[in-house]
């Protein structure tokens, strides 16, 4: 008599090996994602409401570690300047070296080198600044404003100082890419600055990092669930996967 031999115990052992591989891959993605994120990003807690509505007071954000020469107009940056209090602060870059920043035009908009800038992140219907000003940004420096213009202490507060309120680009330590808490959201790059020289910056790898960590977690849970599920299935069929003594060989005639 000829036939095909099937070994249920062998299938159980194969399943155990595959589930172990799934867990291992999940651990690599999960731990690797965290390690990569720690190297690329720094967490920051927003101390005031000067960046609302983009960043609410008390929110936790992820900021990509960058050099000052990577900064572009429209970026929300974290910086530290002794003249501003020598503590980490967060503001939006509206002007870079060589720009002439003026407020306001007849429609209440900020202008850079005479080009009006639409700023959807500021308070709707309000002028770009309640304080009229004109400043030329020295090379290697940045002009910074808060999004909530009526109560933000920013470059306008320091207009009488050298550099007309600008800060060195080297003072920037990171660029905000995403809000992590209490809401989870990506920080968009303003399109109004895209037509100016240098354009706008690209977002950092926050999305791939998120998917790597979540995907790793899913794989770990799926792999770990194999054992209990297989044991339950084995009890229902009267076998225990992976157990040699309970493996049954059946012959199909």
Protein backbone atom coordinates (compact mmCIF):
# COMPACT_ATOMS: atom_id res chain seq x y z
CA UNK A 1 0.00 0.00 0.00
CA UNK A 2 1.37 3.45 -0.92
CA UNK A 3 0.42 6.80 0.52
CA UNK A 4 1.51 10.16 1.96
CA UNK A 5 2.71 10.43 5.56
CA UNK A 6 1.79 13.63 7.44
CA UNK A 7 3.31 14.42 10.81
CA UNK A 8 1.36 16.81 12.96
CA UNK A 9 4.20 17.13 15.46
CA UNK A 10 6.50 18.35 12.64
CA UNK A 11 4.06 21.05 11.71
CA UNK A 12 3.96 22.16 15.33
CA UNK A 13 7.75 22.42 15.51
CA UNK A 14 7.84 24.39 12.24
CA UNK A 15 5.22 26.77 13.60
CA UNK A 16 7.27 27.33 16.74
CA UNK A 17 10.37 28.14 14.69
CA UNK A 18 8.45 30.57 12.46
CA UNK A 19 6.83 32.29 15.44
CA UNK A 20 10.28 32.72 16.99
CA UNK A 21 11.53 34.34 13.79
CA UNK A 22 8.54 36.67 13.71
CA UNK A 23 9.23 37.76 17.31
CA UNK A 24 12.92 38.28 16.51
CA UNK A 25 12.13 40.48 13.50
CA UNK A 26 9.61 42.38 15.59
CA UNK A 27 12.22 43.03 18.29
CA UNK A 28 14.69 44.33 15.70
CA UNK A 29 12.11 46.75 14.29
CA UNK A 30 10.81 47.83 17.69
CA UNK A 31 14.16 48.34 19.44
CA UNK A 32 15.88 49.58 16.29
CA UNK A 33 13.14 52.15 15.77
CA UNK A 34 13.53 53.44 19.31
CA UNK A 35 17.33 53.59 19.00
CA UNK A 36 17.12 55.40 15.66
CA UNK A 37 14.53 57.82 17.05
CA UNK A 38 16.69 58.61 20.09
CA UNK A 39 19.62 59.42 17.80
CA UNK A 40 17.63 61.59 15.38
CA UNK A 41 15.01 63.26 17.59
CA UNK A 42 14.89 65.10 20.88
CA UNK A 43 11.67 65.50 22.90
CA UNK A 44 10.57 68.99 23.91
CA UNK A 45 7.74 70.31 26.05
CA UNK A 46 6.19 73.57 24.79
CA UNK A 47 6.37 76.07 27.68
CA UNK A 48 3.93 78.77 26.51
CA UNK A 49 1.04 79.47 24.16
CA UNK A 50 3.11 81.64 21.81
CA UNK A 51 3.02 78.94 19.11
CA UNK A 52 -0.71 78.17 19.19
CA UNK A 53 -2.57 76.77 17.40
CA UNK A 54 0.25 74.72 15.83
CA UNK A 55 1.75 73.86 19.25
CA UNK A 56 -0.42 74.09 22.34
CA UNK A 57 1.10 74.97 25.69
CA UNK A 58 2.28 71.85 27.49
CA UNK A 59 2.26 69.67 24.38
CA UNK A 60 5.10 67.22 23.82
CA UNK A 61 6.81 67.44 20.44
CA UNK A 62 9.49 65.54 18.55
CA UNK A 63 12.21 67.76 17.14
CA UNK A 64 14.79 66.52 14.66
CA UNK A 65 18.37 67.33 15.59
CA UNK A 66 19.79 69.57 12.84
CA UNK A 67 22.56 72.06 12.16
CA UNK A 68 21.75 75.72 11.71
CA UNK A 69 22.58 75.66 8.00
CA UNK A 70 19.70 73.20 7.45
CA UNK A 71 17.08 75.70 8.63
CA UNK A 72 14.57 77.03 6.10
CA UNK A 73 11.87 79.69 6.29
CA UNK A 74 8.69 78.36 7.84
CA UNK A 75 10.48 75.88 10.12
CA UNK A 76 9.49 75.72 13.77
CA UNK A 77 12.81 75.48 15.57
CA UNK A 78 14.15 75.00 19.07
CA UNK A 79 17.04 77.31 19.86
CA UNK A 80 19.04 78.65 22.76
CA UNK A 81 20.33 82.23 22.74
CA UNK A 82 21.77 83.91 25.89
CA UNK A 83 20.27 87.25 24.83
CA UNK A 84 16.80 85.67 24.88
CA UNK A 85 17.17 84.16 28.34
CA UNK A 86 19.58 81.27 27.76
CA UNK A 87 16.83 78.63 27.94
CA UNK A 88 15.51 76.47 25.09
CA UNK A 89 12.77 78.32 23.22
CA UNK A 90 10.53 77.46 20.26
CA UNK A 91 9.59 79.89 17.46
CA UNK A 92 8.97 79.92 13.71
CA UNK A 93 11.63 81.09 11.27
CA UNK A 94 10.24 83.79 8.97
CA UNK A 95 13.49 85.29 7.70
CA UNK A 96 17.02 84.09 6.97
CA UNK A 97 20.27 85.90 6.25
CA UNK A 98 19.84 88.65 3.65
CA UNK A 99 16.04 88.90 3.98
CA UNK A 100 14.25 92.16 4.65
CA UNK A 101 11.24 91.35 6.82
CA UNK A 102 8.51 94.01 6.97
CA UNK A 103 5.10 94.20 8.59
CA UNK A 104 2.60 94.96 7.51
CA UNK A 105 1.37 95.53 3.96
CA UNK A 106 -2.02 97.11 3.25
CA UNK A 107 -3.68 93.73 3.84
CA UNK A 108 -1.95 93.19 7.19
CA UNK A 109 0.47 90.56 5.84
CA UNK A 110 4.14 89.98 6.51
CA UNK A 111 6.42 90.62 3.53
CA UNK A 112 9.87 89.22 2.78
CA UNK A 113 11.87 91.20 0.23
CA UNK A 114 8.57 92.75 -0.86
CA UNK A 115 6.74 89.41 -1.32
CA UNK A 116 3.59 89.07 0.78
CA UNK A 117 3.41 85.87 2.83
CA UNK A 118 0.15 84.10 3.63
CA UNK A 119 0.37 82.64 7.14
CA UNK A 120 -2.53 80.26 7.79
CA UNK A 121 -1.00 79.22 11.13
CA UNK A 122 -1.65 82.66 12.69
CA UNK A 123 -4.92 83.92 14.19
CA UNK A 124 -7.55 84.22 11.42
CA UNK A 125 -8.50 87.79 10.54
CA UNK A 126 -5.73 89.36 12.63
CA UNK A 127 -2.77 91.24 11.11
CA UNK A 128 0.57 89.46 10.95
CA UNK A 129 1.75 91.72 13.77
CA UNK A 130 0.15 94.38 15.92
CA UNK A 131 3.54 96.10 15.92
CA UNK A 132 4.80 97.53 12.63
CA UNK A 133 8.47 96.84 11.96
CA UNK A 134 11.15 96.48 9.34
CA UNK A 135 14.31 94.43 9.83
CA UNK A 136 17.15 93.26 7.61
CA UNK A 137 18.51 89.91 8.71
CA UNK A 138 22.33 89.66 8.79
CA UNK A 139 23.98 86.69 7.07
CA UNK A 140 24.14 83.62 9.28
CA UNK A 141 21.19 84.75 11.38
CA UNK A 142 17.45 84.08 11.61
CA UNK A 143 14.38 86.23 12.27
CA UNK A 144 11.92 84.38 14.53
CA UNK A 145 8.27 84.98 15.35
CA UNK A 146 5.67 83.14 17.40
CA UNK A 147 2.44 82.09 15.68
CA UNK A 148 0.32 83.76 18.39
CA UNK A 149 1.55 87.24 17.53
CA UNK A 150 -0.33 89.23 20.15
CA UNK A 151 1.55 87.73 23.11
CA UNK A 152 4.74 86.21 21.70
CA UNK A 153 8.07 87.56 22.87
CA UNK A 154 10.18 87.11 19.76
CA UNK A 155 12.47 88.98 17.36
CA UNK A 156 10.18 92.02 17.52
CA UNK A 157 11.03 92.39 21.22
CA UNK A 158 14.75 92.61 20.38
CA UNK A 159 14.62 94.93 17.35
CA UNK A 160 16.77 97.58 19.05
CA UNK A 161 19.60 95.13 19.65
CA UNK A 162 22.43 94.31 17.27
CA UNK A 163 21.12 92.27 14.37
CA UNK A 164 17.62 93.74 14.74
CA UNK A 165 16.28 90.88 16.81
CA UNK A 166 17.80 88.03 14.83
CA UNK A 167 19.60 85.08 16.40
CA UNK A 168 22.58 83.11 15.05
CA UNK A 169 21.57 80.08 13.00
CA UNK A 170 24.08 78.13 15.12
CA UNK A 171 21.77 78.67 18.11
CA UNK A 172 19.26 76.23 16.57
CA UNK A 173 19.44 72.70 17.95
CA UNK A 174 16.38 71.05 16.41
CA UNK A 175 13.38 71.43 14.07
CA UNK A 176 9.89 70.34 15.19
CA UNK A 177 8.50 67.53 13.03
CA UNK A 178 5.54 66.18 15.00
CA UNK A 179 3.34 66.58 18.04
CA UNK A 180 3.43 63.43 20.18
CA UNK A 181 1.02 64.41 23.02
CA UNK A 182 -1.80 65.09 23.84
CA UNK A 183 -2.67 64.78 20.15
CA UNK A 184 -0.55 63.02 17.53
CA UNK A 185 0.00 65.04 14.40
CA UNK A 186 2.66 65.98 11.87
CA UNK A 187 3.84 69.58 11.61
CA UNK A 188 3.24 70.84 8.09
CA UNK A 189 5.71 72.99 6.18
CA UNK A 190 4.10 76.32 5.11
CA UNK A 191 3.77 76.46 1.32
CA UNK A 192 3.96 80.28 1.25
CA UNK A 193 7.74 80.12 1.67
CA UNK A 194 8.28 77.50 -1.04
CA UNK A 195 8.74 80.05 -3.84
CA UNK A 196 11.49 81.92 -1.99
CA UNK A 197 15.18 81.03 -2.44
CA UNK A 198 16.01 77.83 -0.55
CA UNK A 199 12.39 76.66 -0.51
CA UNK A 200 11.09 74.78 2.51
CA UNK A 201 12.64 71.90 4.43
CA UNK A 202 11.77 68.25 4.05
CA UNK A 203 10.20 66.47 6.98
CA UNK A 204 12.49 64.11 8.89
CA UNK A 205 12.04 60.33 9.20
CA UNK A 206 9.31 60.51 11.82
CA UNK A 207 6.81 58.48 9.76
CA UNK A 208 9.17 55.56 8.95
CA UNK A 209 10.18 55.47 12.61
CA UNK A 210 6.55 55.33 13.71
CA UNK A 211 5.73 52.50 11.31
CA UNK A 212 8.86 50.56 12.32
CA UNK A 213 7.98 50.75 16.01
CA UNK A 214 4.29 49.93 15.52
CA UNK A 215 5.09 47.17 13.02
CA UNK A 216 7.63 45.66 15.41
CA UNK A 217 5.10 45.70 18.24
CA UNK A 218 2.50 43.95 16.04
CA UNK A 219 4.98 41.25 15.01
CA UNK A 220 6.06 40.62 18.61
CA UNK A 221 2.46 40.22 19.74
CA UNK A 222 1.58 38.03 16.75
CA UNK A 223 4.59 35.76 17.26
CA UNK A 224 4.01 35.49 20.99
CA UNK A 225 0.37 34.61 20.42
CA UNK A 226 1.25 31.51 18.37
CA UNK A 227 2.01 29.30 21.38
CA UNK A 228 -1.28 29.82 23.26
CA UNK A 229 -3.31 29.59 20.04
CA UNK A 230 -1.53 26.41 18.95
CA UNK A 231 -1.99 24.80 22.39
CA UNK A 232 -5.68 25.64 22.32
CA UNK A 233 -6.00 24.16 18.84
CA UNK A 234 -4.04 21.09 19.97
CA UNK A 235 -6.33 20.50 22.94
CA UNK A 236 -9.35 20.68 20.69
CA UNK A 237 -7.83 18.12 18.30
CA UNK A 238 -6.34 15.97 21.07
CA UNK A 239 -2.69 16.79 20.17
CA UNK A 240 -0.02 19.15 21.43
CA UNK A 241 1.98 20.84 18.64
CA UNK A 242 5.71 20.22 18.88
CA UNK A 243 5.32 17.23 21.20
CA UNK A 244 6.94 14.13 19.68
CA UNK A 245 4.95 11.77 21.85
CA UNK A 246 1.68 13.23 20.66
CA UNK A 247 2.57 13.56 16.99
CA UNK A 248 0.45 11.33 14.86
CA UNK A 249 1.43 9.85 11.58
CA UNK A 250 -1.47 9.26 9.24
CA UNK A 251 -1.30 7.38 5.98
CA UNK A 252 -3.43 8.31 3.02
CA UNK A 253 -4.05 5.26 0.90
